[in-house]
Amino acid sequence: MRISRDKLNKLAHTVADTLAEIDEVGFLEDRNTIRQEARKALEKLLTDEMKLDAGARQKIASQRKTIPEGSQEWDILYRKYYNDEVKKLGL
């Protein structure tokens, strides 16, 4: 899934603001640094997810017969191959 830069920044702001509201959480850095690190972590997570998705789709596309996306067989294979990709990356 592709998320715009604005939405990613908004989400990072929300993470930093939510953490700031928790009494048990103390920041060692300023809030902007926390927001930037949250954005980097979210970007990495989304990038990893796109790689997993692309790997699963590539495996389905390489099947001998054409499997239409949205079919029950496609969904089953997608879940299987997606989970295989997750295991391969050690996530």
C-alpha atoms as a PDB file:
ATOM      1  CA  MET A   1       0.000   0.000   0.000  1.00  0.00           C
ATOM      2  CA  ARG A   2       1.339   3.394  -0.887  1.00  0.00           C
ATOM      3  CA  ILE A   3       0.789   6.236   1.593  1.00  0.00           C
ATOM      4  CA  SER A   4       1.432   9.856   0.731  1.00  0.00           C
ATOM      5  CA  ARG A   5       4.221  11.723   2.498  1.00  0.00           C
ATOM      6  CA  ASP A   6       1.663  13.999   4.191  1.00  0.00           C
ATOM      7  CA  LYS A   7      -0.274  11.049   5.606  1.00  0.00           C
ATOM      8  CA  LEU A   8       2.934   9.412   6.789  1.00  0.00           C
ATOM      9  CA  ASN A   9       3.983  12.634   8.549  1.00  0.00           C
ATOM     10  CA  LYS A  10       0.524  12.956  10.109  1.00  0.00           C
ATOM     11  CA  LEU A  11       0.765   9.398  11.395  1.00  0.00           C
ATOM     12  CA  ALA A  12       4.261  10.056  12.801  1.00  0.00           C
ATOM     13  CA  HIS A  13       2.932  13.192  14.556  1.00  0.00           C
ATOM     14  CA  THR A  14       0.108  11.124  16.038  1.00  0.00           C
ATOM     15  CA  VAL A  15       2.575   8.516  17.309  1.00  0.00           C
ATOM     16  CA  ALA A  16       4.810  11.152  18.913  1.00  0.00           C
ATOM     17  CA  ASP A  17       1.842  13.014  20.435  1.00  0.00           C
ATOM     18  CA  THR A  18       0.323   9.809  21.798  1.00  0.00           C
ATOM     19  CA  LEU A  19       3.621   8.771  23.369  1.00  0.00           C
ATOM     20  CA  ALA A  20       3.984  12.233  24.915  1.00  0.00           C
ATOM     21  CA  GLU A  21       0.594  11.846  26.620  1.00  0.00           C
ATOM     22  CA  ILE A  22       1.599   8.624  28.382  1.00  0.00           C
ATOM     23  CA  ASP A  23       2.927   9.375  31.876  1.00  0.00           C
ATOM     24  CA  GLU A  24       5.214   6.351  31.915  1.00  0.00           C
ATOM     25  CA  VAL A  25       7.007   7.485  28.735  1.00  0.00           C
ATOM     26  CA  GLY A  26       9.850   9.956  28.909  1.00  0.00           C
ATOM     27  CA  PHE A  27      11.683  11.334  25.891  1.00  0.00           C
ATOM     28  CA  LEU A  28      15.465  11.505  25.827  1.00  0.00           C
ATOM     29  CA  GLU A  29      15.270  13.533  22.611  1.00  0.00           C
ATOM     30  CA  ASP A  30      13.008  16.386  21.549  1.00  0.00           C
ATOM     31  CA  ARG A  31       9.587  15.574  20.111  1.00  0.00           C
ATOM     32  CA  ASN A  32      10.624  16.440  16.548  1.00  0.00           C
ATOM     33  CA  THR A  33      13.419  13.851  16.651  1.00  0.00           C
ATOM     34  CA  ILE A  34      10.927  11.283  17.960  1.00  0.00           C
ATOM     35  CA  ARG A  35       8.540  12.160  15.118  1.00  0.00           C
ATOM     36  CA  GLN A  36      11.307  11.806  12.528  1.00  0.00           C
ATOM     37  CA  GLU A  37      12.335   8.403  13.893  1.00  0.00           C
ATOM     38  CA  ALA A  38       8.701   7.271  13.920  1.00  0.00           C
ATOM     39  CA  ARG A  39       8.406   8.340  10.266  1.00  0.00           C
ATOM     40  CA  LYS A  40      11.569   6.409   9.364  1.00  0.00           C
ATOM     41  CA  ALA A  41      10.268   3.299  11.134  1.00  0.00           C
ATOM     42  CA  LEU A  42       6.905   3.577   9.371  1.00  0.00           C
ATOM     43  CA  GLU A  43       8.600   4.068   5.987  1.00  0.00           C
ATOM     44  CA  LYS A  44      10.727   0.957   6.549  1.00  0.00           C
ATOM     45  CA  LEU A  45       7.693  -1.043   7.614  1.00  0.00           C
ATOM     46  CA  LEU A  46       5.763   0.010   4.498  1.00  0.00           C
ATOM     47  CA  THR A  47       8.748  -0.664   2.239  1.00  0.00           C
ATOM     48  CA  ASP A  48       9.143  -4.151   3.711  1.00  0.00           C
ATOM     49  CA  GLU A  49       5.428  -4.807   3.246  1.00  0.00           C
ATOM     50  CA  MET A  50       5.618  -3.739  -0.410  1.00  0.00           C
ATOM     51  CA  LYS A  51       8.523  -6.162  -0.956  1.00  0.00           C
ATOM     52  CA  LEU A  52       6.536  -8.988   0.639  1.00  0.00           C
ATOM     53  CA  ASP A  53       3.516  -8.189  -1.506  1.00  0.00           C
ATOM     54  CA  ALA A  54       5.588  -7.996  -4.692  1.00  0.00           C
ATOM     55  CA  GLY A  55       7.276 -11.307  -3.915  1.00  0.00           C
ATOM     56  CA  ALA A  56       3.974 -13.084  -3.323  1.00  0.00           C
ATOM     57  CA  ARG A  57       2.443 -11.609  -6.487  1.00  0.00           C
ATOM     58  CA  GLN A  58       5.512 -12.597  -8.527  1.00  0.00           C
ATOM     59  CA  LYS A  59       5.236 -16.208  -7.358  1.00  0.00           C
ATOM     60  CA  ILE A  60       1.559 -16.300  -8.314  1.00  0.00           C
ATOM     61  CA  ALA A  61       2.296 -14.760 -11.714  1.00  0.00           C
ATOM     62  CA  SER A  62       4.974 -17.378 -12.384  1.00  0.00           C
ATOM     63  CA  GLN A  63       2.479 -20.250 -12.129  1.00  0.00           C
ATOM     64  CA  ARG A  64       1.974 -22.274 -15.313  1.00  0.00           C
ATOM     65  CA  LYS A  65      -1.717 -21.505 -15.443  1.00  0.00           C
ATOM     66  CA  THR A  66      -3.156 -18.027 -15.126  1.00  0.00           C
ATOM     67  CA  ILE A  67      -4.810 -17.500 -11.771  1.00  0.00           C
ATOM     68  CA  PRO A  68      -7.197 -14.539 -11.742  1.00  0.00           C
ATOM     69  CA  GLU A  69      -6.697 -12.109  -8.876  1.00  0.00           C
ATOM     70  CA  GLY A  70      -9.619 -12.180  -6.469  1.00  0.00           C
ATOM     71  CA  SER A  71     -10.358 -15.849  -7.018  1.00  0.00           C
ATOM     72  CA  GLN A  72     -10.321 -18.212  -4.049  1.00  0.00           C
ATOM     73  CA  GLU A  73      -7.234 -19.972  -5.423  1.00  0.00           C
ATOM     74  CA  TRP A  74      -5.410 -16.639  -5.829  1.00  0.00           C
ATOM     75  CA  ASP A  75      -6.260 -15.614  -2.255  1.00  0.00           C
ATOM     76  CA  ILE A  76      -5.024 -18.922  -0.839  1.00  0.00           C
ATOM     77  CA  LEU A  77      -1.781 -18.771  -2.827  1.00  0.00           C
ATOM     78  CA  TYR A  78      -1.259 -15.119  -1.912  1.00  0.00           C
ATOM     79  CA  ARG A  79      -1.539 -15.839   1.810  1.00  0.00           C
ATOM     80  CA  LYS A  80       0.788 -18.837   1.488  1.00  0.00           C
ATOM     81  CA  TYR A  81       3.424 -17.017  -0.550  1.00  0.00           C
ATOM     82  CA  TYR A  82       3.148 -13.852   1.571  1.00  0.00           C
ATOM     83  CA  ASN A  83       3.788 -15.914   4.709  1.00  0.00           C
ATOM     84  CA  ASP A  84       6.712 -17.626   2.956  1.00  0.00           C
ATOM     85  CA  GLU A  85       8.192 -14.209   2.167  1.00  0.00           C
ATOM     86  CA  VAL A  86       7.735 -13.116   5.797  1.00  0.00           C
ATOM     87  CA  LYS A  87       9.606 -16.213   6.993  1.00  0.00           C
ATOM     88  CA  LYS A  88      12.342 -15.671   4.412  1.00  0.00           C
ATOM     89  CA  LEU A  89      12.951 -12.131   5.697  1.00  0.00           C
ATOM     90  CA  GLY A  90      12.727 -13.272   9.307  1.00  0.00           C
ATOM     91  CA  LEU A  91       9.940 -10.881  10.255  1.00  0.00           C
END
